[in-house]
C-alpha atoms as a PDB file:
ATOM      1  CA  UNK A   1      10.340  54.592-132.765  1.00  0.00           C
ATOM      2  CA  UNK A   2       7.719  51.897-132.008  1.00  0.00           C
ATOM      3  CA  UNK A   3       7.045  53.377-128.518  1.00  0.00           C
ATOM      4  CA  UNK A   4       6.699  57.132-129.973  1.00  0.00           C
ATOM      5  CA  UNK A   5       4.630  55.696-132.822  1.00  0.00           C
ATOM      6  CA  UNK A   6       1.854  54.568-130.382  1.00  0.00           C
ATOM      7  CA  UNK A   7       1.486  57.877-129.261  1.00  0.00           C
ATOM      8  CA  UNK A   8       0.298  58.916-132.797  1.00  0.00           C
ATOM      9  CA  UNK A   9      -2.627  56.633-132.334  1.00  0.00           C
ATOM     10  CA  UNK A  10      -4.556  59.433-130.376  1.00  0.00           C
ATOM     11  CA  UNK A  11      -6.525  61.092-133.248  1.00  0.00           C
ATOM     12  CA  UNK A  12      -7.986  64.767-132.901  1.00  0.00           C
ATOM     13  CA  UNK A  13     -11.482  64.387-133.860  1.00  0.00           C
ATOM     14  CA  UNK A  14     -11.442  67.921-135.371  1.00  0.00           C
ATOM     15  CA  UNK A  15      -8.631  67.159-138.086  1.00  0.00           C
ATOM     16  CA  UNK A  16      -8.847  63.386-138.129  1.00  0.00           C
ATOM     17  CA  UNK A  17      -5.035  63.216-137.714  1.00  0.00           C
ATOM     18  CA  UNK A  18      -2.897  62.393-134.815  1.00  0.00           C
ATOM     19  CA  UNK A  19      -3.290  64.964-132.222  1.00  0.00           C
ATOM     20  CA  UNK A  20       0.358  64.519-130.664  1.00  0.00           C
ATOM     21  CA  UNK A  21       2.328  64.929-133.785  1.00  0.00           C
ATOM     22  CA  UNK A  22       4.168  68.164-132.608  1.00  0.00           C
ATOM     23  CA  UNK A  23       4.861  66.551-129.366  1.00  0.00           C
ATOM     24  CA  UNK A  24       6.215  63.054-130.921  1.00  0.00           C
ATOM     25  CA  UNK A  25       8.516  65.361-133.183  1.00  0.00           C
ATOM     26  CA  UNK A  26      10.044  67.520-130.323  1.00  0.00           C
ATOM     27  CA  UNK A  27      10.642  64.531-127.981  1.00  0.00           C
ATOM     28  CA  UNK A  28      12.451  62.809-130.649  1.00  0.00           C
ATOM     29  CA  UNK A  29      14.569  65.969-131.387  1.00  0.00           C
ATOM     30  CA  UNK A  30      13.576  66.057-135.138  1.00  0.00           C
ATOM     31  CA  UNK A  31      14.311  69.243-136.910  1.00  0.00           C
ATOM     32  CA  UNK A  32      14.734  69.973-140.703  1.00  0.00           C
ATOM     33  CA  UNK A  33      17.616  70.964-142.902  1.00  0.00           C
ATOM     34  CA  UNK A  34      17.804  72.580-146.222  1.00  0.00           C
ATOM     35  CA  UNK A  35      20.724  71.418-148.688  1.00  0.00           C
ATOM     36  CA  UNK A  36      21.499  74.060-151.742  1.00  0.00           C
ATOM     37  CA  UNK A  37      22.978  72.738-154.521  1.00  0.00           C
ATOM     38  CA  UNK A  38      24.813  75.081-156.893  1.00  0.00           C
ATOM     39  CA  UNK A  39      25.578  74.434-160.547  1.00  0.00           C
ATOM     40  CA  UNK A  40      29.291  74.835-159.519  1.00  0.00           C
ATOM     41  CA  UNK A  41      28.574  71.454-157.782  1.00  0.00           C
ATOM     42  CA  UNK A  42      29.047  73.206-154.286  1.00  0.00           C
ATOM     43  CA  UNK A  43      26.557  72.496-151.534  1.00  0.00           C
ATOM     44  CA  UNK A  44      25.207  74.679-148.762  1.00  0.00           C
ATOM     45  CA  UNK A  45      23.538  73.116-145.631  1.00  0.00           C
ATOM     46  CA  UNK A  46      21.196  75.569-143.911  1.00  0.00           C
ATOM     47  CA  UNK A  47      19.548  74.913-140.494  1.00  0.00           C
ATOM     48  CA  UNK A  48      15.954  76.114-140.270  1.00  0.00           C
ATOM     49  CA  UNK A  49      15.433  79.670-139.464  1.00  0.00           C
ATOM     50  CA  UNK A  50      12.170  79.256-137.619  1.00  0.00           C
ATOM     51  CA  UNK A  51       9.114  76.910-137.751  1.00  0.00           C
ATOM     52  CA  UNK A  52       5.487  77.124-136.788  1.00  0.00           C
ATOM     53  CA  UNK A  53       3.112  74.245-135.821  1.00  0.00           C
ATOM     54  CA  UNK A  54      -0.434  74.369-136.882  1.00  0.00           C
ATOM     55  CA  UNK A  55      -3.275  71.715-136.345  1.00  0.00           C
ATOM     56  CA  UNK A  56      -2.424  69.836-139.514  1.00  0.00           C
ATOM     57  CA  UNK A  57       0.828  71.135-140.848  1.00  0.00           C
ATOM     58  CA  UNK A  58       4.142  72.592-140.012  1.00  0.00           C
ATOM     59  CA  UNK A  59       5.589  75.582-141.826  1.00  0.00           C
ATOM     60  CA  UNK A  60       9.457  75.801-142.080  1.00  0.00           C
ATOM     61  CA  UNK A  61      11.538  78.983-143.285  1.00  0.00           C
ATOM     62  CA  UNK A  62      14.984  79.535-144.190  1.00  0.00           C
ATOM     63  CA  UNK A  63      16.201  83.276-144.808  1.00  0.00           C
ATOM     64  CA  UNK A  64      19.755  84.456-145.747  1.00  0.00           C
ATOM     65  CA  UNK A  65      22.667  82.260-146.888  1.00  0.00           C
ATOM     66  CA  UNK A  66      21.363  81.547-150.228  1.00  0.00           C
ATOM     67  CA  UNK A  67      23.444  81.912-153.438  1.00  0.00           C
ATOM     68  CA  UNK A  68      22.128  83.860-156.598  1.00  0.00           C
ATOM     69  CA  UNK A  69      18.973  82.475-158.101  1.00  0.00           C
ATOM     70  CA  UNK A  70      20.649  81.631-161.691  1.00  0.00           C
ATOM     71  CA  UNK A  71      23.553  79.674-159.703  1.00  0.00           C
ATOM     72  CA  UNK A  72      21.132  77.211-157.768  1.00  0.00           C
ATOM     73  CA  UNK A  73      20.518  74.031-159.328  1.00  0.00           C
ATOM     74  CA  UNK A  74      18.548  71.916-156.622  1.00  0.00           C
ATOM     75  CA  UNK A  75      16.970  72.427-153.089  1.00  0.00           C
ATOM     76  CA  UNK A  76      16.623  69.317-150.942  1.00  0.00           C
ATOM     77  CA  UNK A  77      14.984  69.333-147.852  1.00  0.00           C
ATOM     78  CA  UNK A  78      16.104  66.783-145.049  1.00  0.00           C
ATOM     79  CA  UNK A  79      14.358  65.416-141.897  1.00  0.00           C
ATOM     80  CA  UNK A  80      17.289  65.601-139.327  1.00  0.00           C
ATOM     81  CA  UNK A  81      16.933  63.429-136.119  1.00  0.00           C
ATOM     82  CA  UNK A  82      19.800  64.374-133.584  1.00  0.00           C
ATOM     83  CA  UNK A  83      20.981  61.726-131.379  1.00  0.00           C
ATOM     84  CA  UNK A  84      21.467  62.819-127.756  1.00  0.00           C
ATOM     85  CA  UNK A  85      24.837  61.760-126.096  1.00  0.00           C
ATOM     86  CA  UNK A  86      25.479  61.495-122.421  1.00  0.00           C
ATOM     87  CA  UNK A  87      29.287  62.654-123.070  1.00  0.00           C
ATOM     88  CA  UNK A  88      29.602  66.732-123.097  1.00  0.00           C
ATOM     89  CA  UNK A  89      31.605  68.281-125.736  1.00  0.00           C
ATOM     90  CA  UNK A  90      30.995  65.819-128.705  1.00  0.00           C
ATOM     91  CA  UNK A  91      28.964  66.807-131.622  1.00  0.00           C
ATOM     92  CA  UNK A  92      25.696  65.245-132.001  1.00  0.00           C
ATOM     93  CA  UNK A  93      25.281  62.640-134.633  1.00  0.00           C
ATOM     94  CA  UNK A  94      22.347  63.008-137.077  1.00  0.00           C
ATOM     95  CA  UNK A  95      20.068  60.909-139.105  1.00  0.00           C
ATOM     96  CA  UNK A  96      19.135  62.467-142.396  1.00  0.00           C
ATOM     97  CA  UNK A  97      15.984  61.546-144.342  1.00  0.00           C
ATOM     98  CA  UNK A  98      15.402  63.224-147.897  1.00  0.00           C
ATOM     99  CA  UNK A  99      11.706  64.557-147.987  1.00  0.00           C
ATOM    100  CA  UNK A 100      11.812  66.973-151.041  1.00  0.00           C
ATOM    101  CA  UNK A 101      13.848  67.545-153.937  1.00  0.00           C
ATOM    102  CA  UNK A 102      13.433  70.550-156.072  1.00  0.00           C
ATOM    103  CA  UNK A 103      15.041  70.416-159.287  1.00  0.00           C
ATOM    104  CA  UNK A 104      15.311  74.441-159.852  1.00  0.00           C
ATOM    105  CA  UNK A 105      16.447  74.094-163.643  1.00  0.00           C
ATOM    106  CA  UNK A 106      13.055  72.903-164.638  1.00  0.00           C
ATOM    107  CA  UNK A 107      10.549  73.781-161.743  1.00  0.00           C
ATOM    108  CA  UNK A 108      11.396  77.480-161.478  1.00  0.00           C
ATOM    109  CA  UNK A 109      10.536  78.043-165.461  1.00  0.00           C
ATOM    110  CA  UNK A 110       7.015  76.669-164.702  1.00  0.00           C
ATOM    111  CA  UNK A 111       6.571  77.890-161.379  1.00  0.00           C
ATOM    112  CA  UNK A 112       3.453  79.803-160.322  1.00  0.00           C
ATOM    113  CA  UNK A 113       3.133  83.693-159.263  1.00  0.00           C
ATOM    114  CA  UNK A 114       1.588  83.679-155.816  1.00  0.00           C
ATOM    115  CA  UNK A 115       1.957  87.510-155.049  1.00  0.00           C
ATOM    116  CA  UNK A 116       4.118  90.313-154.297  1.00  0.00           C
ATOM    117  CA  UNK A 117       4.556  93.321-152.452  1.00  0.00           C
ATOM    118  CA  UNK A 118       6.898  96.238-152.598  1.00  0.00           C
ATOM    119  CA  UNK A 119      10.037  94.024-151.624  1.00  0.00           C
ATOM    120  CA  UNK A 120       9.764  90.556-152.700  1.00  0.00           C
ATOM    121  CA  UNK A 121       7.594  88.388-155.154  1.00  0.00           C
ATOM    122  CA  UNK A 122       6.367  85.003-154.155  1.00  0.00           C
ATOM    123  CA  UNK A 123       7.020  81.979-156.357  1.00  0.00           C
ATOM    124  CA  UNK A 124       5.218  78.503-155.987  1.00  0.00           C
ATOM    125  CA  UNK A 125       7.873  75.970-156.940  1.00  0.00           C
ATOM    126  CA  UNK A 126       5.345  72.908-156.240  1.00  0.00           C
ATOM    127  CA  UNK A 127       2.755  72.485-153.707  1.00  0.00           C
ATOM    128  CA  UNK A 128       4.063  73.498-150.172  1.00  0.00           C
ATOM    129  CA  UNK A 129       7.257  75.137-151.456  1.00  0.00           C
ATOM    130  CA  UNK A 130       7.344  79.038-151.833  1.00  0.00           C
ATOM    131  CA  UNK A 131      10.441  81.108-152.671  1.00  0.00           C
ATOM    132  CA  UNK A 132      10.653  84.459-151.911  1.00  0.00           C
ATOM    133  CA  UNK A 133      12.533  86.746-154.432  1.00  0.00           C
ATOM    134  CA  UNK A 134      13.868  90.106-153.850  1.00  0.00           C
ATOM    135  CA  UNK A 135      12.478  92.236-156.663  1.00  0.00           C
ATOM    136  CA  UNK A 136      14.780  93.553-159.390  1.00  0.00           C
ATOM    137  CA  UNK A 137      17.586  91.308-158.131  1.00  0.00           C
ATOM    138  CA  UNK A 138      16.650  87.696-158.768  1.00  0.00           C
ATOM    139  CA  UNK A 139      18.311  87.154-155.348  1.00  0.00           C
ATOM    140  CA  UNK A 140      16.521  84.740-152.894  1.00  0.00           C
ATOM    141  CA  UNK A 141      15.300  86.455-149.744  1.00  0.00           C
ATOM    142  CA  UNK A 142      13.601  83.048-148.183  1.00  0.00           C
ATOM    143  CA  UNK A 143      12.369  79.856-148.692  1.00  0.00           C
ATOM    144  CA  UNK A 144       9.395  78.336-146.968  1.00  0.00           C
ATOM    145  CA  UNK A 145       7.843  74.653-147.015  1.00  0.00           C
ATOM    146  CA  UNK A 146       4.470  73.759-145.571  1.00  0.00           C
ATOM    147  CA  UNK A 147       4.413  69.984-144.719  1.00  0.00           C
ATOM    148  CA  UNK A 148       1.099  68.277-144.156  1.00  0.00           C
ATOM    149  CA  UNK A 149       1.187  66.205-140.833  1.00  0.00           C
ATOM    150  CA  UNK A 150       0.187  62.870-142.797  1.00  0.00           C
ATOM    151  CA  UNK A 151       3.053  60.473-142.118  1.00  0.00           C
ATOM    152  CA  UNK A 152       5.140  63.315-141.062  1.00  0.00           C
ATOM    153  CA  UNK A 153       7.306  61.490-138.467  1.00  0.00           C
ATOM    154  CA  UNK A 154       7.898  58.748-140.818  1.00  0.00           C
ATOM    155  CA  UNK A 155       8.850  61.031-143.916  1.00  0.00           C
ATOM    156  CA  UNK A 156      11.052  62.880-141.460  1.00  0.00           C
ATOM    157  CA  UNK A 157      12.872  60.084-139.979  1.00  0.00           C
ATOM    158  CA  UNK A 158      12.601  56.895-142.063  1.00  0.00           C
ATOM    159  CA  UNK A 159      13.959  57.877-145.578  1.00  0.00           C
ATOM    160  CA  UNK A 160      17.703  57.934-146.276  1.00  0.00           C
ATOM    161  CA  UNK A 161      20.097  60.575-147.366  1.00  0.00           C
ATOM    162  CA  UNK A 162      19.260  59.462-151.050  1.00  0.00           C
ATOM    163  CA  UNK A 163      15.735  58.486-151.120  1.00  0.00           C
ATOM    164  CA  UNK A 164      12.352  59.262-149.707  1.00  0.00           C
ATOM    165  CA  UNK A 165      10.284  57.433-147.071  1.00  0.00           C
ATOM    166  CA  UNK A 166       7.734  55.073-149.244  1.00  0.00           C
ATOM    167  CA  UNK A 167       4.547  54.502-147.554  1.00  0.00           C
ATOM    168  CA  UNK A 168       3.382  50.949-147.839  1.00  0.00           C
ATOM    169  CA  UNK A 169       0.671  50.556-150.452  1.00  0.00           C
ATOM    170  CA  UNK A 170      -2.293  48.447-148.686  1.00  0.00           C
ATOM    171  CA  UNK A 171      -4.808  46.576-150.763  1.00  0.00           C
ATOM    172  CA  UNK A 172      -8.108  47.972-151.654  1.00  0.00           C
ATOM    173  CA  UNK A 173     -10.991  47.071-149.248  1.00  0.00           C
ATOM    174  CA  UNK A 174     -13.451  45.550-151.816  1.00  0.00           C
ATOM    175  CA  UNK A 175     -17.537  45.723-151.061  1.00  0.00           C
ATOM    176  CA  UNK A 176     -19.674  43.998-153.783  1.00  0.00           C
ATOM    177  CA  UNK A 177     -22.933  44.736-151.971  1.00  0.00           C
ATOM    178  CA  UNK A 178     -22.761  48.521-151.835  1.00  0.00           C
ATOM    179  CA  UNK A 179     -23.770  49.936-155.198  1.00  0.00           C
ATOM    180  CA  UNK A 180     -22.162  53.272-154.496  1.00  0.00           C
ATOM    181  CA  UNK A 181     -19.155  52.027-152.658  1.00  0.00           C
ATOM    182  CA  UNK A 182     -16.390  54.694-152.150  1.00  0.00           C
ATOM    183  CA  UNK A 183     -18.867  57.535-152.942  1.00  0.00           C
ATOM    184  CA  UNK A 184     -20.023  58.365-149.332  1.00  0.00           C
ATOM    185  CA  UNK A 185     -18.973  58.391-145.686  1.00  0.00           C
ATOM    186  CA  UNK A 186     -16.098  61.065-146.425  1.00  0.00           C
ATOM    187  CA  UNK A 187     -14.776  63.579-143.516  1.00  0.00           C
ATOM    188  CA  UNK A 188     -13.036  66.655-144.564  1.00  0.00           C
ATOM    189  CA  UNK A 189     -10.775  69.025-142.768  1.00  0.00           C
ATOM    190  CA  UNK A 190      -9.560  72.231-144.286  1.00  0.00           C
ATOM    191  CA  UNK A 191      -7.492  74.967-142.942  1.00  0.00           C
ATOM    192  CA  UNK A 192      -6.377  78.476-144.395  1.00  0.00           C
ATOM    193  CA  UNK A 193      -3.271  79.886-142.462  1.00  0.00           C
ATOM    194  CA  UNK A 194      -0.322  81.969-143.256  1.00  0.00           C
ATOM    195  CA  UNK A 195       3.153  81.785-141.651  1.00  0.00           C
ATOM    196  CA  UNK A 196       1.936  83.336-138.344  1.00  0.00           C
ATOM    197  CA  UNK A 197      -1.977  82.469-137.573  1.00  0.00           C
ATOM    198  CA  UNK A 198      -4.960  80.473-138.508  1.00  0.00           C
ATOM    199  CA  UNK A 199      -7.497  82.129-140.953  1.00  0.00           C
ATOM    200  CA  UNK A 200      -9.985  79.233-140.987  1.00  0.00           C
ATOM    201  CA  UNK A 201     -10.024  75.786-139.576  1.00  0.00           C
ATOM    202  CA  UNK A 202     -13.336  73.846-140.490  1.00  0.00           C
ATOM    203  CA  UNK A 203     -14.257  70.231-140.491  1.00  0.00           C
ATOM    204  CA  UNK A 204     -17.014  68.308-142.432  1.00  0.00           C
ATOM    205  CA  UNK A 205     -18.432  64.817-142.088  1.00  0.00           C
ATOM    206  CA  UNK A 206     -20.736  62.287-143.941  1.00  0.00           C
ATOM    207  CA  UNK A 207     -19.853  63.842-147.301  1.00  0.00           C
ATOM    208  CA  UNK A 208     -21.156  62.118-150.316  1.00  0.00           C
ATOM    209  CA  UNK A 209     -21.443  61.698-154.375  1.00  0.00           C
ATOM    210  CA  UNK A 210     -24.216  60.056-156.089  1.00  0.00           C
ATOM    211  CA  UNK A 211     -22.957  57.903-158.899  1.00  0.00           C
ATOM    212  CA  UNK A 212     -25.138  59.698-161.360  1.00  0.00           C
ATOM    213  CA  UNK A 213     -23.263  62.869-160.297  1.00  0.00           C
ATOM    214  CA  UNK A 214     -19.955  61.691-161.251  1.00  0.00           C
ATOM    215  CA  UNK A 215     -18.655  64.090-164.259  1.00  0.00           C
ATOM    216  CA  UNK A 216     -15.621  64.544-166.452  1.00  0.00           C
ATOM    217  CA  UNK A 217     -13.845  61.876-164.299  1.00  0.00           C
ATOM    218  CA  UNK A 218     -14.186  63.683-161.015  1.00  0.00           C
ATOM    219  CA  UNK A 219     -16.183  62.976-157.920  1.00  0.00           C
ATOM    220  CA  UNK A 220     -17.738  66.112-156.357  1.00  0.00           C
ATOM    221  CA  UNK A 221     -17.941  66.645-152.659  1.00  0.00           C
ATOM    222  CA  UNK A 222     -19.812  69.661-151.575  1.00  0.00           C
ATOM    223  CA  UNK A 223     -18.966  70.941-147.898  1.00  0.00           C
ATOM    224  CA  UNK A 224     -20.679  74.434-148.204  1.00  0.00           C
ATOM    225  CA  UNK A 225     -23.102  75.111-150.475  1.00  0.00           C
ATOM    226  CA  UNK A 226     -23.910  78.500-151.654  1.00  0.00           C
ATOM    227  CA  UNK A 227     -27.643  77.706-151.055  1.00  0.00           C
ATOM    228  CA  UNK A 228     -27.334  76.944-147.535  1.00  0.00           C
ATOM    229  CA  UNK A 229     -26.895  80.427-145.780  1.00  0.00           C
ATOM    230  CA  UNK A 230     -26.356  78.876-142.060  1.00  0.00           C
ATOM    231  CA  UNK A 231     -23.252  76.948-143.540  1.00  0.00           C
ATOM    232  CA  UNK A 232     -21.491  80.105-144.869  1.00  0.00           C
ATOM    233  CA  UNK A 233     -18.319  80.898-142.763  1.00  0.00           C
ATOM    234  CA  UNK A 234     -16.607  84.118-141.914  1.00  0.00           C
ATOM    235  CA  UNK A 235     -12.937  83.894-141.750  1.00  0.00           C
ATOM    236  CA  UNK A 236     -11.088  84.944-138.552  1.00  0.00           C
ATOM    237  CA  UNK A 237      -8.493  86.940-140.376  1.00  0.00           C
ATOM    238  CA  UNK A 238      -7.247  88.504-143.554  1.00  0.00           C
ATOM    239  CA  UNK A 239      -6.106  86.600-146.620  1.00  0.00           C
ATOM    240  CA  UNK A 240      -2.344  87.721-146.185  1.00  0.00           C
ATOM    241  CA  UNK A 241       1.055  86.164-146.340  1.00  0.00           C
ATOM    242  CA  UNK A 242       3.402  88.040-143.577  1.00  0.00           C
ATOM    243  CA  UNK A 243       6.887  87.431-144.031  1.00  0.00           C
ATOM    244  CA  UNK A 244      10.543  88.299-142.692  1.00  0.00           C
ATOM    245  CA  UNK A 245      13.949  88.355-143.459  1.00  0.00           C
ATOM    246  CA  UNK A 246      16.693  89.259-141.283  1.00  0.00           C
ATOM    247  CA  UNK A 247      15.986  93.106-140.738  1.00  0.00           C
ATOM    248  CA  UNK A 248      13.138  93.487-143.157  1.00  0.00           C
ATOM    249  CA  UNK A 249       9.525  92.228-143.220  1.00  0.00           C
ATOM    250  CA  UNK A 250       6.488  92.684-145.152  1.00  0.00           C
ATOM    251  CA  UNK A 251       2.907  91.326-146.169  1.00  0.00           C
ATOM    252  CA  UNK A 252       1.963  89.983-149.426  1.00  0.00           C
ATOM    253  CA  UNK A 253      -1.918  90.545-149.774  1.00  0.00           C
ATOM    254  CA  UNK A 254      -4.380  87.839-151.081  1.00  0.00           C
ATOM    255  CA  UNK A 255      -2.424  84.715-150.482  1.00  0.00           C
ATOM    256  CA  UNK A 256      -2.016  81.898-147.800  1.00  0.00           C
ATOM    257  CA  UNK A 257      -1.421  78.355-147.149  1.00  0.00           C
ATOM    258  CA  UNK A 258      -4.154  75.797-147.456  1.00  0.00           C
ATOM    259  CA  UNK A 259      -3.986  72.467-145.915  1.00  0.00           C
ATOM    260  CA  UNK A 260      -6.541  69.700-146.850  1.00  0.00           C
ATOM    261  CA  UNK A 261      -7.298  66.370-145.330  1.00  0.00           C
ATOM    262  CA  UNK A 262      -9.934  63.880-146.767  1.00  0.00           C
ATOM    263  CA  UNK A 263     -10.542  60.810-145.066  1.00  0.00           C
ATOM    264  CA  UNK A 264     -12.614  57.867-146.129  1.00  0.00           C
ATOM    265  CA  UNK A 265     -15.484  56.059-144.343  1.00  0.00           C
ATOM    266  CA  UNK A 266     -12.727  53.943-142.606  1.00  0.00           C
ATOM    267  CA  UNK A 267     -10.858  57.080-141.540  1.00  0.00           C
ATOM    268  CA  UNK A 268      -8.192  56.245-143.813  1.00  0.00           C
ATOM    269  CA  UNK A 269      -6.507  59.271-145.762  1.00  0.00           C
ATOM    270  CA  UNK A 270      -7.454  59.555-149.464  1.00  0.00           C
ATOM    271  CA  UNK A 271      -5.982  63.137-150.278  1.00  0.00           C
ATOM    272  CA  UNK A 272      -3.654  65.382-148.247  1.00  0.00           C
ATOM    273  CA  UNK A 273      -2.592  68.695-149.474  1.00  0.00           C
ATOM    274  CA  UNK A 274      -0.610  71.490-148.166  1.00  0.00           C
ATOM    275  CA  UNK A 275       0.034  74.318-150.572  1.00  0.00           C
ATOM    276  CA  UNK A 276      -0.009  78.035-151.159  1.00  0.00           C
ATOM    277  CA  UNK A 277      -3.200  79.369-152.838  1.00  0.00           C
ATOM    278  CA  UNK A 278      -4.081  82.676-154.265  1.00  0.00           C
ATOM    279  CA  UNK A 279      -7.269  84.800-154.023  1.00  0.00           C
ATOM    280  CA  UNK A 280      -8.586  85.890-157.245  1.00  0.00           C
ATOM    281  CA  UNK A 281     -11.727  87.835-158.529  1.00  0.00           C
ATOM    282  CA  UNK A 282     -14.365  85.346-159.309  1.00  0.00           C
ATOM    283  CA  UNK A 283     -15.352  85.875-163.096  1.00  0.00           C
ATOM    284  CA  UNK A 284     -18.233  83.378-162.929  1.00  0.00           C
ATOM    285  CA  UNK A 285     -20.833  86.153-162.779  1.00  0.00           C
ATOM    286  CA  UNK A 286     -22.564  84.541-159.752  1.00  0.00           C
ATOM    287  CA  UNK A 287     -24.429  86.822-157.549  1.00  0.00           C
ATOM    288  CA  UNK A 288     -25.715  86.440-153.849  1.00  0.00           C
ATOM    289  CA  UNK A 289     -28.288  88.935-153.019  1.00  0.00           C
ATOM    290  CA  UNK A 290     -27.816  87.924-149.218  1.00  0.00           C
ATOM    291  CA  UNK A 291     -24.518  89.748-149.477  1.00  0.00           C
ATOM    292  CA  UNK A 292     -23.252  92.997-150.532  1.00  0.00           C
ATOM    293  CA  UNK A 293     -19.493  92.967-151.519  1.00  0.00           C
ATOM    294  CA  UNK A 294     -16.977  91.610-153.986  1.00  0.00           C
ATOM    295  CA  UNK A 295     -16.787  87.941-154.987  1.00  0.00           C
ATOM    296  CA  UNK A 296     -13.308  85.863-154.944  1.00  0.00           C
ATOM    297  CA  UNK A 297     -12.254  82.530-155.570  1.00  0.00           C
ATOM    298  CA  UNK A 298      -9.527  80.282-154.469  1.00  0.00           C
ATOM    299  CA  UNK A 299      -8.916  77.256-156.894  1.00  0.00           C
ATOM    300  CA  UNK A 300      -6.400  74.537-156.147  1.00  0.00           C
ATOM    301  CA  UNK A 301      -5.738  71.906-158.648  1.00  0.00           C
ATOM    302  CA  UNK A 302      -3.178  68.909-159.134  1.00  0.00           C
ATOM    303  CA  UNK A 303      -3.460  65.483-160.715  1.00  0.00           C
ATOM    304  CA  UNK A 304      -5.537  63.894-157.966  1.00  0.00           C
ATOM    305  CA  UNK A 305      -8.209  66.653-157.600  1.00  0.00           C
ATOM    306  CA  UNK A 306      -9.435  70.048-157.337  1.00  0.00           C
ATOM    307  CA  UNK A 307     -10.544  72.593-154.484  1.00  0.00           C
ATOM    308  CA  UNK A 308     -12.948  75.517-155.201  1.00  0.00           C
ATOM    309  CA  UNK A 309     -13.455  77.905-152.218  1.00  0.00           C
ATOM    310  CA  UNK A 310     -16.190  80.965-153.140  1.00  0.00           C
ATOM    311  CA  UNK A 311     -15.784  83.889-150.772  1.00  0.00           C
ATOM    312  CA  UNK A 312     -17.304  87.555-150.485  1.00  0.00           C
ATOM    313  CA  UNK A 313     -15.541  90.208-149.139  1.00  0.00           C
ATOM    314  CA  UNK A 314     -17.584  92.687-147.117  1.00  0.00           C
ATOM    315  CA  UNK A 315     -15.632  96.039-147.571  1.00  0.00           C
ATOM    316  CA  UNK A 316     -17.528  98.059-144.799  1.00  0.00           C
ATOM    317  CA  UNK A 317     -16.425  95.254-142.395  1.00  0.00           C
ATOM    318  CA  UNK A 318     -13.357  93.956-143.965  1.00  0.00           C
ATOM    319  CA  UNK A 319     -14.414  90.273-143.703  1.00  0.00           C
ATOM    320  CA  UNK A 320     -14.225  87.503-145.755  1.00  0.00           C
ATOM    321  CA  UNK A 321     -17.066  84.990-145.926  1.00  0.00           C
ATOM    322  CA  UNK A 322     -16.764  81.564-147.451  1.00  0.00           C
ATOM    323  CA  UNK A 323     -20.144  81.022-149.520  1.00  0.00           C
ATOM    324  CA  UNK A 324     -18.987  77.886-151.227  1.00  0.00           C
ATOM    325  CA  UNK A 325     -16.543  74.886-150.741  1.00  0.00           C
ATOM    326  CA  UNK A 326     -16.276  72.042-153.178  1.00  0.00           C
ATOM    327  CA  UNK A 327     -13.695  69.371-153.423  1.00  0.00           C
ATOM    328  CA  UNK A 328     -13.464  67.207-156.665  1.00  0.00           C
ATOM    329  CA  UNK A 329     -11.432  63.971-156.491  1.00  0.00           C
ATOM    330  CA  UNK A 330     -10.280  62.041-159.691  1.00  0.00           C
ATOM    331  CA  UNK A 331     -12.343  58.956-160.167  1.00  0.00           C
ATOM    332  CA  UNK A 332      -9.136  57.239-161.089  1.00  0.00           C
ATOM    333  CA  UNK A 333      -7.708  57.785-157.605  1.00  0.00           C
ATOM    334  CA  UNK A 334     -11.167  56.783-156.091  1.00  0.00           C
ATOM    335  CA  UNK A 335     -10.953  53.498-158.186  1.00  0.00           C
ATOM    336  CA  UNK A 336      -7.333  52.830-156.904  1.00  0.00           C
ATOM    337  CA  UNK A 337      -8.238  53.396-153.373  1.00  0.00           C
ATOM    338  CA  UNK A 338     -11.530  51.164-153.167  1.00  0.00           C
ATOM    339  CA  UNK A 339     -10.770  48.739-156.108  1.00  0.00           C
ATOM    340  CA  UNK A 340     -13.815  50.159-157.759  1.00  0.00           C
ATOM    341  CA  UNK A 341     -14.555  50.834-161.596  1.00  0.00           C
ATOM    342  CA  UNK A 342     -16.383  54.265-161.939  1.00  0.00           C
END
């Protein structure tokens, strides 16, 4: 493990993350397994049906073999490292590391609606965890996870069968000289993708927020300004979520995965997110006379911050263009990370 961790020191300048994460995981024979716990105490162990690596995340999918939704009590995601043996005919031992535990009894009631097509409805159980439900049946078609690359090797291998890997907490770097310490020098990489292909992948450096601009307990970092036309970015594909389950397949429109990485001026992660997001009509009333089309918004929020992506859809060319991208970080998170008191 020490030898392979050295390979993770090579950083991709576009994402700010280790560039050899996929290679290291494959060379260590790491895979993932889903455990389905039922209310009757029965357990099912499902190997991943397929997975897809992207620049800053990996998408995992399980399809088939699920009990009825009302019988499920929990979903547990494990990283599994197979130990290669020189003897043939012996079953390979495996080291299991608990990564995600989803309590279906409480989470499903508060799950968010992501989208639907004529066959399935998508529910977001928690950031990065989607369940596809067959319409009018309440039966599970598939379960999909999107895992951010940050500490993915450690999370997949260094937990135990009953507890997660816990990242060591470092001491905040204190700077008494800089009056706006912790408010500048940020690097942002953001990607939109679905289960098959990349839709957007952009990086932004030297992002900042003045102390006078802190508002409502949030620090605002503007990556793409609506007023700067040259920074507006057309998407390379449509915002849609293709899926497949055994012999059936489909596409849910207006939803995809978002993977966000925010690094500080020391290239240390401040906020890392992988989650499904939805495209909704922008009801703010904003109009940009440089474009003709409909206005949309992708809005993600959790306890650490928010992401707002403003888009315009050109109906004639069928292209979405990002005309605004703003990341908001909770000042409490900044204070914890830097030892400041904003």
